[in-house]
Amino acid sequence: MREFYKVKKELFVKYINRLVREYNKQFRMAQKGAKEEPVHDLRVLIKRFNALFVFLDEAGIYKSNSQSFFIQLRQFFKSAGNLRDIQVHESLIGKYGNLNDASLAGYKQYLEGKEKTSRSYFLIKSLNYPKKEQIQVKNDIIKAVKSFKQETLTLQTTNFIMKRLKLIEKYLFRTDINQYLHKIRQTLKQLRFFIEMMQSCTDPNPMEEVDFNEIKEIESILGNWNDCSVLCGDLKRYRKYMRMLNGGPSDPGISELLGCIQQDMQKKVMDVRPRLLKLAYHLKYMML
């Protein structure tokens, strides 16, 4: 297996510093009312952090699992995720249905209550974010990267990418692939963020833009599929709750909305599987 990304440590350190600066900026923006776009952008940056931390851990550069900072970061990420899910639900219903429709009035009110609670929880968590620990962790990581062998760093980069391509390929051949789409999405997202990281740390860049764009497009499709899946789960819970509460049917538009979303989800699965399989084979071949 050839060295696909010949990582330059000085560029890697610059990337880490830049990522922390971007995160701190987005953190401050998200604290101003916890609006949809800033919260989404903050979650994306936390996922970039996660790709970095997982790589550092697997490569043996920096172990993070036992540190309280990372436990608190995960809790903060979860609080942002709860709020983000509700905001996405509102957007999706605008696509598949109509929140102003009288048949969905109860669910609209239900979402508004959840969003208010989740926003308060997110803002409370943001006040307790361990900023001082973050500074120390960043310094420790940079020190560990600088002392790590250059050739080993490059080798571990290749291993990290190949491991995820093989995992995606394994999931794609499952007969019950629908049960693994969430894991495929998570793995592909982590791979995309890691490749973006490596694009910043190598010169020249070995990956063609068309290949990277294909990764982003497929990951976007799977991301939308997952958003729809989460919404369907929430709609079913709401419908069950209302039936128990009222002793009868819930808002009549719920079942129709569920059917429309689930039909679209199935089409997404059929379209994305051959594209993703072709992409995984292509990237593995490039790295041999």
C-alpha atoms as a PDB file:
ATOM      1  CA  MET A   1       0.000   0.000   0.000  1.00  0.00           C
ATOM      2  CA  ARG A   2       1.455   3.332  -1.048  1.00  0.00           C
ATOM      3  CA  GLU A   3       1.590   6.528   0.999  1.00  0.00           C
ATOM      4  CA  PHE A   4      -1.558   8.327  -0.165  1.00  0.00           C
ATOM      5  CA  TYR A   5      -1.326  11.427   2.026  1.00  0.00           C
ATOM      6  CA  LYS A   6       2.221  12.543   2.852  1.00  0.00           C
ATOM      7  CA  VAL A   7       1.273  14.645   5.852  1.00  0.00           C
ATOM      8  CA  LYS A   8       3.389  17.660   6.771  1.00  0.00           C
ATOM      9  CA  LYS A   9       3.435  18.093  10.529  1.00  0.00           C
ATOM     10  CA  GLU A  10       3.722  21.871  10.412  1.00  0.00           C
ATOM     11  CA  LEU A  11       0.571  22.032   8.250  1.00  0.00           C
ATOM     12  CA  PHE A  12      -1.180  19.608  10.601  1.00  0.00           C
ATOM     13  CA  VAL A  13      -0.427  21.889  13.561  1.00  0.00           C
ATOM     14  CA  LYS A  14      -1.717  24.904  11.609  1.00  0.00           C
ATOM     15  CA  TYR A  15      -4.923  23.017  10.869  1.00  0.00           C
ATOM     16  CA  ILE A  16      -5.465  22.243  14.567  1.00  0.00           C
ATOM     17  CA  ASN A  17      -4.944  25.890  15.532  1.00  0.00           C
ATOM     18  CA  ARG A  18      -7.304  27.058  12.779  1.00  0.00           C
ATOM     19  CA  LEU A  19      -9.972  24.527  13.790  1.00  0.00           C
ATOM     20  CA  VAL A  20      -9.886  25.740  17.399  1.00  0.00           C
ATOM     21  CA  ARG A  21     -10.191  29.383  16.293  1.00  0.00           C
ATOM     22  CA  GLU A  22     -13.169  28.578  14.056  1.00  0.00           C
ATOM     23  CA  TYR A  23     -14.809  26.596  16.830  1.00  0.00           C
ATOM     24  CA  ASN A  24     -14.436  29.400  19.382  1.00  0.00           C
ATOM     25  CA  LYS A  25     -15.910  31.904  16.923  1.00  0.00           C
ATOM     26  CA  GLN A  26     -18.870  29.665  16.107  1.00  0.00           C
ATOM     27  CA  PHE A  27     -19.387  28.881  19.791  1.00  0.00           C
ATOM     28  CA  ARG A  28     -19.889  32.578  20.536  1.00  0.00           C
ATOM     29  CA  MET A  29     -22.322  32.936  17.626  1.00  0.00           C
ATOM     30  CA  ALA A  30     -24.373  29.922  18.735  1.00  0.00           C
ATOM     31  CA  GLN A  31     -24.713  31.379  22.226  1.00  0.00           C
ATOM     32  CA  LYS A  32     -26.571  34.389  20.786  1.00  0.00           C
ATOM     33  CA  GLY A  33     -30.079  32.950  20.829  1.00  0.00           C
ATOM     34  CA  ALA A  34     -29.208  29.380  19.747  1.00  0.00           C
ATOM     35  CA  LYS A  35     -30.572  29.940  16.240  1.00  0.00           C
ATOM     36  CA  GLU A  36     -30.684  27.176  13.639  1.00  0.00           C
ATOM     37  CA  GLU A  37     -27.727  28.014  11.364  1.00  0.00           C
ATOM     38  CA  PRO A  38     -25.149  28.834  14.100  1.00  0.00           C
ATOM     39  CA  VAL A  39     -26.104  25.689  16.054  1.00  0.00           C
ATOM     40  CA  HIS A  40     -25.751  23.583  12.901  1.00  0.00           C
ATOM     41  CA  ASP A  41     -22.346  25.099  12.079  1.00  0.00           C
ATOM     42  CA  LEU A  42     -21.194  24.496  15.652  1.00  0.00           C
ATOM     43  CA  ARG A  43     -22.189  20.825  15.476  1.00  0.00           C
ATOM     44  CA  VAL A  44     -20.265  20.459  12.209  1.00  0.00           C
ATOM     45  CA  LEU A  45     -17.142  21.842  13.876  1.00  0.00           C
ATOM     46  CA  ILE A  46     -17.557  19.464  16.825  1.00  0.00           C
ATOM     47  CA  LYS A  47     -17.753  16.587  14.329  1.00  0.00           C
ATOM     48  CA  ARG A  48     -14.515  17.820  12.764  1.00  0.00           C
ATOM     49  CA  PHE A  49     -12.998  17.774  16.237  1.00  0.00           C
ATOM     50  CA  ASN A  50     -14.258  14.230  16.692  1.00  0.00           C
ATOM     51  CA  ALA A  51     -12.608  13.056  13.454  1.00  0.00           C
ATOM     52  CA  LEU A  52      -9.353  14.606  14.668  1.00  0.00           C
ATOM     53  CA  PHE A  53      -9.595  13.037  18.135  1.00  0.00           C
ATOM     54  CA  VAL A  54     -10.450   9.577  16.789  1.00  0.00           C
ATOM     55  CA  PHE A  55      -7.474   9.693  14.423  1.00  0.00           C
ATOM     56  CA  LEU A  56      -5.086  10.864  17.147  1.00  0.00           C
ATOM     57  CA  ASP A  57      -6.329   8.069  19.389  1.00  0.00           C
ATOM     58  CA  GLU A  58      -6.121   5.299  16.758  1.00  0.00           C
ATOM     59  CA  ALA A  59      -2.690   6.467  15.593  1.00  0.00           C
ATOM     60  CA  GLY A  60      -1.392   6.419  19.166  1.00  0.00           C
ATOM     61  CA  ILE A  61      -0.556  10.127  19.077  1.00  0.00           C
ATOM     62  CA  TYR A  62      -2.914  11.304  21.808  1.00  0.00           C
ATOM     63  CA  LYS A  63      -5.327   9.306  23.981  1.00  0.00           C
ATOM     64  CA  SER A  64      -8.479  11.200  24.890  1.00  0.00           C
ATOM     65  CA  ASN A  65     -11.117   8.767  26.150  1.00  0.00           C
ATOM     66  CA  SER A  66     -10.377   9.122  29.856  1.00  0.00           C
ATOM     67  CA  GLN A  67     -10.261  12.926  29.974  1.00  0.00           C
ATOM     68  CA  SER A  68     -13.152  14.874  31.477  1.00  0.00           C
ATOM     69  CA  PHE A  69     -12.904  17.536  28.749  1.00  0.00           C
ATOM     70  CA  PHE A  70     -14.000  15.078  26.069  1.00  0.00           C
ATOM     71  CA  ILE A  71     -16.853  13.779  28.214  1.00  0.00           C
ATOM     72  CA  GLN A  72     -18.125  17.344  28.618  1.00  0.00           C
ATOM     73  CA  LEU A  73     -17.636  18.044  24.905  1.00  0.00           C
ATOM     74  CA  ARG A  74     -19.809  15.028  24.037  1.00  0.00           C
ATOM     75  CA  GLN A  75     -22.511  16.204  26.454  1.00  0.00           C
ATOM     76  CA  PHE A  76     -22.425  19.669  24.908  1.00  0.00           C
ATOM     77  CA  PHE A  77     -22.612  18.150  21.422  1.00  0.00           C
ATOM     78  CA  LYS A  78     -25.677  16.138  22.474  1.00  0.00           C
ATOM     79  CA  SER A  79     -27.424  19.247  23.811  1.00  0.00           C
ATOM     80  CA  ALA A  80     -26.807  21.003  20.484  1.00  0.00           C
ATOM     81  CA  GLY A  81     -28.013  17.889  18.650  1.00  0.00           C
ATOM     82  CA  ASN A  82     -31.360  17.811  20.446  1.00  0.00           C
ATOM     83  CA  LEU A  83     -32.009  21.420  19.465  1.00  0.00           C
ATOM     84  CA  ARG A  84     -30.783  20.887  15.920  1.00  0.00           C
ATOM     85  CA  ASP A  85     -33.071  17.852  15.412  1.00  0.00           C
ATOM     86  CA  ILE A  86     -36.160  19.883  16.303  1.00  0.00           C
ATOM     87  CA  GLN A  87     -35.130  22.715  13.986  1.00  0.00           C
ATOM     88  CA  VAL A  88     -34.577  20.195  11.165  1.00  0.00           C
ATOM     89  CA  HIS A  89     -38.000  18.634  11.838  1.00  0.00           C
ATOM     90  CA  GLU A  90     -39.647  21.992  11.267  1.00  0.00           C
ATOM     91  CA  SER A  91     -37.748  22.462   7.991  1.00  0.00           C
ATOM     92  CA  LEU A  92     -38.596  18.969   6.717  1.00  0.00           C
ATOM     93  CA  ILE A  93     -42.285  19.334   7.439  1.00  0.00           C
ATOM     94  CA  GLY A  94     -42.144  22.525   5.419  1.00  0.00           C
ATOM     95  CA  LYS A  95     -40.867  20.349   2.557  1.00  0.00           C
ATOM     96  CA  TYR A  96     -43.152  17.320   2.903  1.00  0.00           C
ATOM     97  CA  GLY A  97     -46.195  18.926   4.494  1.00  0.00           C
ATOM     98  CA  ASN A  98     -47.338  22.195   5.975  1.00  0.00           C
ATOM     99  CA  LEU A  99     -47.044  23.171   9.631  1.00  0.00           C
ATOM    100  CA  ASN A 100     -49.797  25.733   9.048  1.00  0.00           C
ATOM    101  CA  ASP A 101     -52.157  22.905   8.057  1.00  0.00           C
ATOM    102  CA  ALA A 102     -54.828  22.499  10.739  1.00  0.00           C
ATOM    103  CA  SER A 103     -54.309  18.710  10.671  1.00  0.00           C
ATOM    104  CA  LEU A 104     -50.746  19.198  12.001  1.00  0.00           C
ATOM    105  CA  ALA A 105     -51.574  21.926  14.488  1.00  0.00           C
ATOM    106  CA  GLY A 106     -51.020  19.690  17.507  1.00  0.00           C
ATOM    107  CA  TYR A 107     -47.619  18.530  16.314  1.00  0.00           C
ATOM    108  CA  LYS A 108     -46.591  22.109  15.585  1.00  0.00           C
ATOM    109  CA  GLN A 109     -47.393  23.100  19.153  1.00  0.00           C
ATOM    110  CA  TYR A 110     -45.553  20.023  20.422  1.00  0.00           C
ATOM    111  CA  LEU A 111     -42.418  20.977  18.439  1.00  0.00           C
ATOM    112  CA  GLU A 112     -42.516  24.556  19.676  1.00  0.00           C
ATOM    113  CA  GLY A 113     -42.546  23.352  23.281  1.00  0.00           C
ATOM    114  CA  LYS A 114     -39.661  20.956  22.671  1.00  0.00           C
ATOM    115  CA  GLU A 115     -37.623  23.631  20.913  1.00  0.00           C
ATOM    116  CA  LYS A 116     -38.045  26.063  23.799  1.00  0.00           C
ATOM    117  CA  THR A 117     -36.902  23.442  26.322  1.00  0.00           C
ATOM    118  CA  SER A 118     -33.966  22.301  24.163  1.00  0.00           C
ATOM    119  CA  ARG A 119     -32.805  25.867  23.533  1.00  0.00           C
ATOM    120  CA  SER A 120     -32.723  26.584  27.281  1.00  0.00           C
ATOM    121  CA  TYR A 121     -30.811  23.356  27.930  1.00  0.00           C
ATOM    122  CA  PHE A 122     -28.270  24.153  25.201  1.00  0.00           C
ATOM    123  CA  LEU A 123     -27.649  27.659  26.542  1.00  0.00           C
ATOM    124  CA  ILE A 124     -27.172  26.321  30.088  1.00  0.00           C
ATOM    125  CA  LYS A 125     -24.673  23.731  28.826  1.00  0.00           C
ATOM    126  CA  SER A 126     -22.807  26.388  26.864  1.00  0.00           C
ATOM    127  CA  LEU A 127     -22.283  28.437  30.040  1.00  0.00           C
ATOM    128  CA  ASN A 128     -20.568  25.446  31.663  1.00  0.00           C
ATOM    129  CA  TYR A 129     -18.311  24.668  28.698  1.00  0.00           C
ATOM    130  CA  PRO A 130     -14.719  23.951  29.929  1.00  0.00           C
ATOM    131  CA  LYS A 131     -12.798  26.617  27.978  1.00  0.00           C
ATOM    132  CA  LYS A 132      -9.655  26.466  30.139  1.00  0.00           C
ATOM    133  CA  GLU A 133      -9.403  22.704  29.711  1.00  0.00           C
ATOM    134  CA  GLN A 134      -9.789  23.149  25.949  1.00  0.00           C
ATOM    135  CA  ILE A 135      -6.691  25.366  25.829  1.00  0.00           C
ATOM    136  CA  GLN A 136      -4.634  22.792  27.727  1.00  0.00           C
ATOM    137  CA  VAL A 137      -5.862  19.920  25.554  1.00  0.00           C
ATOM    138  CA  LYS A 138      -4.990  21.845  22.376  1.00  0.00           C
ATOM    139  CA  ASN A 139      -1.461  22.514  23.640  1.00  0.00           C
ATOM    140  CA  ASP A 140      -1.020  18.858  24.640  1.00  0.00           C
ATOM    141  CA  ILE A 141      -2.183  17.661  21.216  1.00  0.00           C
ATOM    142  CA  ILE A 142       0.159  19.988  19.331  1.00  0.00           C
ATOM    143  CA  LYS A 143       3.064  18.886  21.501  1.00  0.00           C
ATOM    144  CA  ALA A 144       2.217  15.218  20.827  1.00  0.00           C
ATOM    145  CA  VAL A 145       1.952  15.787  17.059  1.00  0.00           C
ATOM    146  CA  LYS A 146       5.307  17.583  16.909  1.00  0.00           C
ATOM    147  CA  SER A 147       7.050  14.704  18.690  1.00  0.00           C
ATOM    148  CA  PHE A 148       5.443  11.985  16.528  1.00  0.00           C
ATOM    149  CA  LYS A 149       7.524  10.429  13.733  1.00  0.00           C
ATOM    150  CA  GLN A 150       6.755  11.887  10.301  1.00  0.00           C
ATOM    151  CA  GLU A 151       6.745   8.548   8.463  1.00  0.00           C
ATOM    152  CA  THR A 152       4.504   6.950  11.105  1.00  0.00           C
ATOM    153  CA  LEU A 153       2.050   9.834  10.836  1.00  0.00           C
ATOM    154  CA  THR A 154       1.777   9.296   7.082  1.00  0.00           C
ATOM    155  CA  LEU A 155       1.312   5.527   7.502  1.00  0.00           C
ATOM    156  CA  GLN A 156      -1.395   5.966  10.132  1.00  0.00           C
ATOM    157  CA  THR A 157      -3.222   8.396   7.844  1.00  0.00           C
ATOM    158  CA  THR A 158      -3.464   5.756   5.123  1.00  0.00           C
ATOM    159  CA  ASN A 159      -4.543   3.100   7.633  1.00  0.00           C
ATOM    160  CA  PHE A 160      -7.286   5.361   8.990  1.00  0.00           C
ATOM    161  CA  ILE A 161      -8.820   5.929   5.545  1.00  0.00           C
ATOM    162  CA  MET A 162      -8.579   2.280   4.458  1.00  0.00           C
ATOM    163  CA  LYS A 163     -10.189   1.064   7.682  1.00  0.00           C
ATOM    164  CA  ARG A 164     -13.259   3.211   7.050  1.00  0.00           C
ATOM    165  CA  LEU A 165     -13.540   2.287   3.374  1.00  0.00           C
ATOM    166  CA  LYS A 166     -13.503  -1.406   4.299  1.00  0.00           C
ATOM    167  CA  LEU A 167     -16.105  -0.815   7.000  1.00  0.00           C
ATOM    168  CA  ILE A 168     -18.426   0.989   4.566  1.00  0.00           C
ATOM    169  CA  GLU A 169     -17.969  -1.821   2.039  1.00  0.00           C
ATOM    170  CA  LYS A 170     -18.839  -4.397   4.710  1.00  0.00           C
ATOM    171  CA  TYR A 171     -22.056  -2.574   5.615  1.00  0.00           C
ATOM    172  CA  LEU A 172     -23.083  -2.200   1.963  1.00  0.00           C
ATOM    173  CA  PHE A 173     -23.119  -5.975   1.458  1.00  0.00           C
ATOM    174  CA  ARG A 174     -25.455  -6.585   4.374  1.00  0.00           C
ATOM    175  CA  THR A 175     -28.836  -7.932   3.311  1.00  0.00           C
ATOM    176  CA  ASP A 176     -30.458  -5.727   5.964  1.00  0.00           C
ATOM    177  CA  ILE A 177     -28.633  -2.610   4.744  1.00  0.00           C
ATOM    178  CA  ASN A 178     -31.379  -0.299   6.030  1.00  0.00           C
ATOM    179  CA  GLN A 179     -30.356  -1.202   9.575  1.00  0.00           C
ATOM    180  CA  TYR A 180     -26.802  -0.008   8.849  1.00  0.00           C
ATOM    181  CA  LEU A 181     -27.446   3.224   6.969  1.00  0.00           C
ATOM    182  CA  HIS A 182     -26.945   5.305  10.110  1.00  0.00           C
ATOM    183  CA  LYS A 183     -23.550   3.657  10.719  1.00  0.00           C
ATOM    184  CA  ILE A 184     -22.618   4.097   7.056  1.00  0.00           C
ATOM    185  CA  ARG A 185     -23.532   7.775   7.284  1.00  0.00           C
ATOM    186  CA  GLN A 186     -21.479   8.275  10.457  1.00  0.00           C
ATOM    187  CA  THR A 187     -18.470   6.474   8.972  1.00  0.00           C
ATOM    188  CA  LEU A 188     -18.646   8.391   5.684  1.00  0.00           C
ATOM    189  CA  LYS A 189     -19.017  11.721   7.496  1.00  0.00           C
ATOM    190  CA  GLN A 190     -15.983  10.959   9.649  1.00  0.00           C
ATOM    191  CA  LEU A 191     -14.068   9.944   6.526  1.00  0.00           C
ATOM    192  CA  ARG A 192     -15.045  13.168   4.744  1.00  0.00           C
ATOM    193  CA  PHE A 193     -13.963  15.367   7.631  1.00  0.00           C
ATOM    194  CA  PHE A 194     -10.707  13.450   7.945  1.00  0.00           C
ATOM    195  CA  ILE A 195      -9.959  13.790   4.227  1.00  0.00           C
ATOM    196  CA  GLU A 196     -10.700  17.522   4.448  1.00  0.00           C
ATOM    197  CA  MET A 197      -8.220  17.669   7.294  1.00  0.00           C
ATOM    198  CA  MET A 198      -5.583  15.857   5.263  1.00  0.00           C
ATOM    199  CA  GLN A 199      -6.240  18.104   2.254  1.00  0.00           C
ATOM    200  CA  SER A 200      -5.014  20.959   4.459  1.00  0.00           C
ATOM    201  CA  CYS A 201      -1.922  19.055   5.577  1.00  0.00           C
ATOM    202  CA  THR A 202      -0.466  17.853   2.270  1.00  0.00           C
ATOM    203  CA  ASP A 203       1.044  19.476  -0.775  1.00  0.00           C
ATOM    204  CA  PRO A 204       0.391  18.481  -3.530  1.00  0.00           C
ATOM    205  CA  ASN A 205      -3.096  17.097  -2.940  1.00  0.00           C
ATOM    206  CA  PRO A 206      -3.507  13.470  -4.143  1.00  0.00           C
ATOM    207  CA  MET A 207      -7.321  13.357  -4.303  1.00  0.00           C
ATOM    208  CA  GLU A 208      -9.208  14.576  -7.367  1.00  0.00           C
ATOM    209  CA  GLU A 209     -11.874  17.204  -6.720  1.00  0.00           C
ATOM    210  CA  VAL A 210     -14.494  15.096  -8.497  1.00  0.00           C
ATOM    211  CA  ASP A 211     -13.921  12.228  -6.037  1.00  0.00           C
ATOM    212  CA  PHE A 212     -14.160  14.480  -3.016  1.00  0.00           C
ATOM    213  CA  ASN A 213     -17.340  16.082  -4.366  1.00  0.00           C
ATOM    214  CA  GLU A 214     -18.853  12.612  -4.779  1.00  0.00           C
ATOM    215  CA  ILE A 215     -18.106  11.873  -1.114  1.00  0.00           C
ATOM    216  CA  LYS A 216     -19.851  15.098  -0.096  1.00  0.00           C
ATOM    217  CA  GLU A 217     -22.883  14.462  -2.310  1.00  0.00           C
ATOM    218  CA  ILE A 218     -23.412  10.915  -1.043  1.00  0.00           C
ATOM    219  CA  GLU A 219     -22.885  11.985   2.554  1.00  0.00           C
ATOM    220  CA  SER A 220     -25.458  14.746   2.049  1.00  0.00           C
ATOM    221  CA  ILE A 221     -28.021  12.245   0.731  1.00  0.00           C
ATOM    222  CA  LEU A 222     -27.441   9.948   3.699  1.00  0.00           C
ATOM    223  CA  GLY A 223     -27.622  12.919   6.045  1.00  0.00           C
ATOM    224  CA  ASN A 224     -31.032  13.836   4.658  1.00  0.00           C
ATOM    225  CA  TRP A 225     -32.125  10.198   4.956  1.00  0.00           C
ATOM    226  CA  ASN A 226     -31.096  10.209   8.617  1.00  0.00           C
ATOM    227  CA  ASP A 227     -32.929  13.484   9.289  1.00  0.00           C
ATOM    228  CA  CYS A 228     -36.072  11.935   7.798  1.00  0.00           C
ATOM    229  CA  SER A 229     -35.601   8.788   9.885  1.00  0.00           C
ATOM    230  CA  VAL A 230     -35.327  10.811  13.104  1.00  0.00           C
ATOM    231  CA  LEU A 231     -38.414  12.827  12.148  1.00  0.00           C
ATOM    232  CA  CYS A 232     -40.412   9.654  11.454  1.00  0.00           C
ATOM    233  CA  GLY A 233     -39.468   8.307  14.864  1.00  0.00           C
ATOM    234  CA  ASP A 234     -40.615  11.526  16.513  1.00  0.00           C
ATOM    235  CA  LEU A 235     -43.888  11.563  14.561  1.00  0.00           C
ATOM    236  CA  LYS A 236     -44.636   7.979  15.614  1.00  0.00           C
ATOM    237  CA  ARG A 237     -43.920   8.751  19.263  1.00  0.00           C
ATOM    238  CA  TYR A 238     -46.165  11.811  19.087  1.00  0.00           C
ATOM    239  CA  ARG A 239     -48.960   9.829  17.412  1.00  0.00           C
ATOM    240  CA  LYS A 240     -48.754   7.075  20.039  1.00  0.00           C
ATOM    241  CA  TYR A 241     -48.740   9.621  22.861  1.00  0.00           C
ATOM    242  CA  MET A 242     -51.803  11.440  21.497  1.00  0.00           C
ATOM    243  CA  ARG A 243     -53.715   8.191  21.055  1.00  0.00           C
ATOM    244  CA  MET A 244     -53.016   7.257  24.669  1.00  0.00           C
ATOM    245  CA  LEU A 245     -53.916  10.751  25.865  1.00  0.00           C
ATOM    246  CA  ASN A 246     -57.153  11.118  23.920  1.00  0.00           C
ATOM    247  CA  GLY A 247     -58.193   7.504  23.590  1.00  0.00           C
ATOM    248  CA  GLY A 248     -58.492   7.952  19.852  1.00  0.00           C
ATOM    249  CA  PRO A 249     -56.625   8.993  16.678  1.00  0.00           C
ATOM    250  CA  SER A 250     -54.081  11.822  16.652  1.00  0.00           C
ATOM    251  CA  ASP A 251     -53.858  14.634  14.096  1.00  0.00           C
ATOM    252  CA  PRO A 252     -55.152  13.103  10.818  1.00  0.00           C
ATOM    253  CA  GLY A 253     -52.263  14.532   8.793  1.00  0.00           C
ATOM    254  CA  ILE A 254     -49.589  12.555  10.704  1.00  0.00           C
ATOM    255  CA  SER A 255     -50.103   9.177   8.977  1.00  0.00           C
ATOM    256  CA  GLU A 256     -50.211  10.773   5.533  1.00  0.00           C
ATOM    257  CA  LEU A 257     -47.042  12.732   6.274  1.00  0.00           C
ATOM    258  CA  LEU A 258     -45.268   9.574   7.499  1.00  0.00           C
ATOM    259  CA  GLY A 259     -46.153   7.690   4.323  1.00  0.00           C
ATOM    260  CA  CYS A 260     -44.809  10.475   2.114  1.00  0.00           C
ATOM    261  CA  ILE A 261     -41.508  10.720   4.009  1.00  0.00           C
ATOM    262  CA  GLN A 262     -40.935   6.949   4.185  1.00  0.00           C
ATOM    263  CA  GLN A 263     -41.513   6.556   0.436  1.00  0.00           C
ATOM    264  CA  ASP A 264     -38.883   9.197  -0.282  1.00  0.00           C
ATOM    265  CA  MET A 265     -36.461   7.566   2.179  1.00  0.00           C
ATOM    266  CA  GLN A 266     -36.688   4.223   0.372  1.00  0.00           C
ATOM    267  CA  LYS A 267     -35.877   5.872  -2.955  1.00  0.00           C
ATOM    268  CA  LYS A 268     -32.796   7.515  -1.411  1.00  0.00           C
ATOM    269  CA  VAL A 269     -31.519   4.109  -0.244  1.00  0.00           C
ATOM    270  CA  MET A 270     -31.918   2.549  -3.694  1.00  0.00           C
ATOM    271  CA  ASP A 271     -30.140   5.450  -5.407  1.00  0.00           C
ATOM    272  CA  VAL A 272     -27.181   5.804  -3.050  1.00  0.00           C
ATOM    273  CA  ARG A 273     -26.033   2.179  -2.614  1.00  0.00           C
ATOM    274  CA  PRO A 274     -24.465   1.627  -6.088  1.00  0.00           C
ATOM    275  CA  ARG A 275     -22.848   5.085  -6.012  1.00  0.00           C
ATOM    276  CA  LEU A 276     -21.304   4.488  -2.621  1.00  0.00           C
ATOM    277  CA  LEU A 277     -20.060   1.013  -3.537  1.00  0.00           C
ATOM    278  CA  LYS A 278     -18.427   2.370  -6.703  1.00  0.00           C
ATOM    279  CA  LEU A 279     -16.824   5.196  -4.721  1.00  0.00           C
ATOM    280  CA  ALA A 280     -15.430   2.859  -2.040  1.00  0.00           C
ATOM    281  CA  TYR A 281     -13.863   0.564  -4.662  1.00  0.00           C
ATOM    282  CA  HIS A 282     -12.421   3.534  -6.550  1.00  0.00           C
ATOM    283  CA  LEU A 283     -10.800   5.097  -3.478  1.00  0.00           C
ATOM    284  CA  LYS A 284      -9.353   1.766  -2.331  1.00  0.00           C
ATOM    285  CA  TYR A 285      -7.843   1.227  -5.788  1.00  0.00           C
ATOM    286  CA  MET A 286      -6.270   4.699  -5.722  1.00  0.00           C
ATOM    287  CA  MET A 287      -4.528   3.904  -2.443  1.00  0.00           C
ATOM    288  CA  LEU A 288      -3.075   0.532  -3.449  1.00  0.00           C
END
